[in-house]
Amino acid sequence: MSQIIKADFHVHGIASKDSLSKGEDLVTRAKQLGLGKLILTDHNTTAGTVELQRAYPEYVIAGEEILTTKGEILAIFVREEVPKGLEPIEAFKRLKDQDAFISLSHPYAYMRHGWTEAEMEEYLPYLDAIEIANARNLPEMNRSAARFAGEHGLPGTAGSDAHGVSELGAMCLQLPDFHNSEELRVSIRSAEVLGKESSPWVRYYSRSAVFLKAVHRRLGIKLY
């Protein structure tokens, strides 16, 4: 019988434009919280994940949050980075070709590149899951996503959408352990959502990161 673990499926590190969270700090905090794996889903890049995986190959899973022309895809077990700005179907095909696990980021959060019901229905054949619990969402958005998933027989991912280390684990899944996308497709069917939505004040982390990185770029100073 598989070990039961907790996993946060939506985490941003310093490779994201709006986060200052260092990989080592995320790993340390994840282990303190008892997370069985750290899934790093930086915006439109796997650079930070690849580097962290070298140090923690059994603990860190490569993910990516990919901005398409419609909304953002939340992909897990990404072997080859997918660039932003593609039509959704092209992005889905590239992820399918590498057998990535495909979820959609924060449905109904239209101010944050969320997805409409019509779009989700259109892309159902490509999806392994949708995000039903995002700690930066309003509760009603998460409830709508969970309802949609239930109506369409889709499992759900859950994550903190952490841009600061202290956000990590705010929402996560408890599920049987997994080591690849195929095992995840099975284990997520018996997953349980844990946690609750974060305070709106957590947006300070992402706003301050964008500002600080812009200032350092103008001064020609490397932030890390």
Protein backbone atom coordinates (compact mmCIF):
# COMPACT_ATOMS: atom_id res chain seq x y z
CA MET A 1 0.00 0.00 0.00
CA SER A 2 1.34 3.44 -0.98
CA GLN A 3 2.43 5.88 1.67
CA ILE A 4 0.08 8.84 2.11
CA ILE A 5 1.78 12.21 1.62
CA LYS A 6 0.90 15.88 1.38
CA ALA A 7 1.87 17.88 -1.70
CA ASP A 8 1.44 21.53 -2.65
CA PHE A 9 0.82 21.57 -6.41
CA HIS A 10 1.35 25.28 -7.10
CA VAL A 11 4.59 26.91 -5.88
CA HIS A 12 6.75 29.71 -7.28
CA GLY A 13 10.44 30.23 -6.69
CA ILE A 14 12.96 32.91 -7.53
CA ALA A 15 12.97 31.98 -11.23
CA SER A 16 9.46 33.42 -11.42
CA LYS A 17 9.28 37.14 -12.18
CA ASP A 18 7.14 37.75 -9.10
CA SER A 19 8.85 35.69 -6.41
CA LEU A 20 11.98 36.03 -4.30
CA SER A 21 11.73 32.56 -2.73
CA LYS A 22 15.03 30.70 -2.97
CA GLY A 23 14.89 27.00 -3.76
CA GLU A 24 16.78 25.93 -0.64
CA ASP A 25 14.41 27.96 1.54
CA LEU A 26 11.39 26.34 -0.13
CA VAL A 27 12.79 22.84 0.41
CA THR A 28 13.55 23.58 4.08
CA ARG A 29 10.06 24.97 4.69
CA ALA A 30 8.35 22.17 2.76
CA LYS A 31 10.06 19.56 4.92
CA GLN A 32 9.18 21.48 8.09
CA LEU A 33 5.53 21.38 6.98
CA GLY A 34 5.71 17.65 6.34
CA LEU A 35 5.19 17.90 2.60
CA GLY A 36 6.20 14.67 0.91
CA LYS A 37 7.31 16.41 -2.27
CA LEU A 38 8.02 19.94 -3.49
CA ILE A 39 6.40 20.71 -6.84
CA LEU A 40 7.92 23.88 -8.28
CA THR A 41 5.75 25.54 -10.95
CA ASP A 42 7.55 28.72 -11.96
CA HIS A 43 6.05 31.05 -14.54
CA ASN A 44 7.03 29.98 -18.07
CA THR A 45 10.33 28.40 -17.08
CA THR A 46 11.75 25.22 -15.59
CA ALA A 47 15.21 26.72 -14.97
CA GLY A 48 14.79 26.97 -11.20
CA THR A 49 13.31 23.51 -10.94
CA VAL A 50 16.04 21.82 -12.96
CA GLU A 51 18.70 23.35 -10.73
CA LEU A 52 16.90 22.37 -7.53
CA GLN A 53 16.26 18.84 -8.78
CA ARG A 54 19.99 18.23 -9.07
CA ALA A 55 20.30 18.76 -5.32
CA TYR A 56 17.06 16.96 -4.36
CA PRO A 57 16.26 14.47 -7.14
CA GLU A 58 13.85 12.39 -5.05
CA TYR A 59 12.05 15.34 -3.48
CA VAL A 60 11.62 18.07 -6.10
CA ILE A 61 9.24 17.62 -9.04
CA ALA A 62 9.57 19.74 -12.16
CA GLY A 63 6.49 21.75 -12.97
CA GLU A 64 5.69 24.88 -14.95
CA GLU A 65 2.87 27.41 -15.04
CA ILE A 66 2.48 28.31 -18.69
CA LEU A 67 0.71 31.43 -19.94
CA THR A 68 -1.18 30.70 -23.17
CA THR A 69 -3.28 33.02 -25.31
CA LYS A 70 -6.30 32.05 -23.19
CA GLY A 71 -5.24 31.16 -19.64
CA GLU A 72 -2.51 29.53 -17.58
CA ILE A 73 -1.74 25.82 -17.60
CA LEU A 74 -0.39 24.13 -14.49
CA ALA A 75 1.84 21.28 -15.66
CA ILE A 76 3.58 18.66 -13.50
CA PHE A 77 6.43 16.30 -14.49
CA VAL A 78 7.66 18.63 -17.21
CA ARG A 79 10.77 17.39 -18.98
CA GLU A 80 10.99 20.11 -21.64
CA GLU A 81 10.08 23.74 -21.00
CA VAL A 82 7.03 25.04 -22.88
CA PRO A 83 7.22 28.73 -23.90
CA LYS A 84 4.53 31.24 -23.06
CA GLY A 85 2.21 32.78 -25.64
CA LEU A 86 1.17 29.61 -27.46
CA GLU A 87 -2.39 28.74 -28.39
CA PRO A 88 -3.71 26.37 -25.70
CA ILE A 89 -3.95 23.37 -28.00
CA GLU A 90 -0.32 23.77 -29.09
CA ALA A 91 0.80 23.99 -25.46
CA PHE A 92 -1.31 20.93 -24.55
CA LYS A 93 0.18 18.94 -27.42
CA ARG A 94 3.73 19.78 -26.34
CA LEU A 95 2.93 18.67 -22.81
CA LYS A 96 1.22 15.48 -23.99
CA ASP A 97 4.28 14.63 -26.09
CA GLN A 98 6.38 14.53 -22.90
CA ASP A 99 3.64 12.82 -20.83
CA ALA A 100 3.29 15.72 -18.42
CA PHE A 101 0.36 15.84 -16.00
CA ILE A 102 -1.91 18.68 -17.15
CA SER A 103 -4.06 20.84 -14.87
CA LEU A 104 -5.48 24.34 -15.35
CA SER A 105 -4.54 27.20 -13.05
CA HIS A 106 -7.16 29.02 -10.95
CA PRO A 107 -10.35 28.64 -13.05
CA TYR A 108 -12.79 31.56 -12.75
CA ALA A 109 -10.02 33.92 -11.59
CA TYR A 110 -10.34 36.02 -14.72
CA MET A 111 -8.08 38.81 -13.47
CA ARG A 112 -5.26 36.23 -13.12
CA HIS A 113 -5.45 34.40 -16.45
CA GLY A 114 -8.11 32.00 -15.19
CA TRP A 115 -10.35 29.91 -17.44
CA THR A 116 -14.01 30.22 -18.36
CA GLU A 117 -16.35 27.23 -18.24
CA ALA A 118 -16.64 27.28 -22.04
CA GLU A 119 -12.86 27.11 -22.39
CA MET A 120 -12.54 24.30 -19.87
CA GLU A 121 -15.23 22.30 -21.66
CA GLU A 122 -13.45 22.87 -24.99
CA TYR A 123 -10.13 21.55 -23.66
CA LEU A 124 -11.45 18.65 -21.55
CA PRO A 125 -9.83 15.99 -23.79
CA TYR A 126 -6.37 17.34 -22.88
CA LEU A 127 -6.86 17.63 -19.12
CA ASP A 128 -5.81 15.36 -16.27
CA ALA A 129 -7.26 17.76 -13.67
CA ILE A 130 -8.15 21.35 -12.90
CA GLU A 131 -7.09 23.40 -9.91
CA ILE A 132 -10.01 23.25 -7.46
CA ALA A 133 -8.27 24.82 -4.47
CA ASN A 134 -5.94 27.79 -4.94
CA ALA A 135 -5.07 29.65 -1.73
CA ARG A 136 -4.94 32.99 -3.57
CA ASN A 137 -8.43 32.51 -5.00
CA LEU A 138 -11.64 33.75 -3.46
CA PRO A 139 -13.55 30.87 -1.83
CA GLU A 140 -16.39 31.10 -4.36
CA MET A 141 -13.91 30.62 -7.22
CA ASN A 142 -12.61 27.43 -5.62
CA ARG A 143 -16.16 26.21 -5.01
CA SER A 144 -17.06 26.82 -8.67
CA ALA A 145 -13.95 24.97 -9.82
CA ALA A 146 -14.71 22.01 -7.55
CA ARG A 147 -18.29 21.92 -8.84
CA PHE A 148 -17.11 21.95 -12.46
CA ALA A 149 -14.59 19.19 -11.78
CA GLY A 150 -17.23 17.04 -10.12
CA GLU A 151 -19.70 17.53 -12.94
CA HIS A 152 -17.13 16.50 -15.54
CA GLY A 153 -15.45 13.64 -13.68
CA LEU A 154 -12.15 15.45 -13.30
CA PRO A 155 -9.92 15.23 -10.23
CA GLY A 156 -8.57 18.44 -8.75
CA THR A 157 -5.18 19.83 -7.83
CA ALA A 158 -4.70 22.10 -4.81
CA GLY A 159 -1.92 24.54 -4.07
CA SER A 160 -0.85 27.60 -2.19
CA ASP A 161 0.18 29.53 -5.33
CA ALA A 162 3.01 30.60 -3.02
CA HIS A 163 5.17 33.52 -4.08
CA GLY A 164 6.62 33.82 -0.57
CA VAL A 165 8.06 31.00 1.54
CA SER A 166 5.56 31.60 4.35
CA GLU A 167 2.64 30.89 1.97
CA LEU A 168 3.84 27.37 1.23
CA GLY A 169 1.35 24.64 2.11
CA ALA A 170 -1.61 26.98 2.68
CA MET A 171 -3.65 24.63 0.50
CA CYS A 172 -2.46 21.21 -0.65
CA LEU A 173 -3.52 17.66 -1.40
CA GLN A 174 -3.22 14.58 0.79
CA LEU A 175 -2.90 11.56 -1.47
CA PRO A 176 -1.01 8.30 -2.08
CA ASP A 177 2.64 8.85 -2.96
CA PHE A 178 3.56 9.05 -6.64
CA HIS A 179 6.78 9.12 -8.68
CA ASN A 180 5.67 9.91 -12.23
CA SER A 181 2.71 11.31 -14.13
CA GLU A 182 1.02 7.94 -14.59
CA GLU A 183 1.12 7.20 -10.87
CA LEU A 184 -0.18 10.71 -10.17
CA ARG A 185 -3.16 10.16 -12.47
CA VAL A 186 -4.13 7.22 -10.28
CA SER A 187 -3.34 8.61 -6.83
CA ILE A 188 -5.07 11.95 -7.37
CA ARG A 189 -8.39 10.14 -7.75
CA SER A 190 -8.35 9.50 -4.00
CA ALA A 191 -6.90 12.86 -2.95
CA GLU A 192 -8.24 15.09 -0.18
CA VAL A 193 -7.90 18.89 -0.13
CA LEU A 194 -6.28 20.35 2.98
CA GLY A 195 -5.93 23.95 4.13
CA LYS A 196 -7.74 27.20 3.47
CA GLU A 197 -7.48 30.38 1.41
CA SER A 198 -4.73 32.84 2.32
CA SER A 199 -5.19 36.43 3.41
CA PRO A 200 -5.16 38.97 0.55
CA TRP A 201 -2.06 40.44 2.20
CA VAL A 202 0.07 37.62 0.74
CA ARG A 203 0.02 39.53 -2.54
CA TYR A 204 2.65 41.74 -0.92
CA TYR A 205 5.22 39.04 -1.74
CA SER A 206 4.56 39.04 -5.47
CA ARG A 207 4.14 42.81 -5.80
CA SER A 208 7.35 43.54 -3.89
CA ALA A 209 9.26 40.91 -5.89
CA VAL A 210 8.24 42.49 -9.20
CA PHE A 211 9.27 45.93 -7.94
CA LEU A 212 12.61 44.83 -6.51
CA LYS A 213 13.56 42.85 -9.60
CA ALA A 214 12.70 45.82 -11.85
CA VAL A 215 14.85 48.15 -9.73
CA HIS A 216 17.79 45.76 -9.75
CA ARG A 217 17.54 45.30 -13.52
CA ARG A 218 17.66 49.06 -14.06
CA LEU A 219 20.72 49.31 -11.81
CA GLY A 220 22.37 46.36 -13.51
CA ILE A 221 22.57 44.42 -10.24
CA LYS A 222 21.99 40.70 -10.05
CA LEU A 223 19.47 39.93 -7.32
CA TYR A 224 20.62 36.28 -6.98
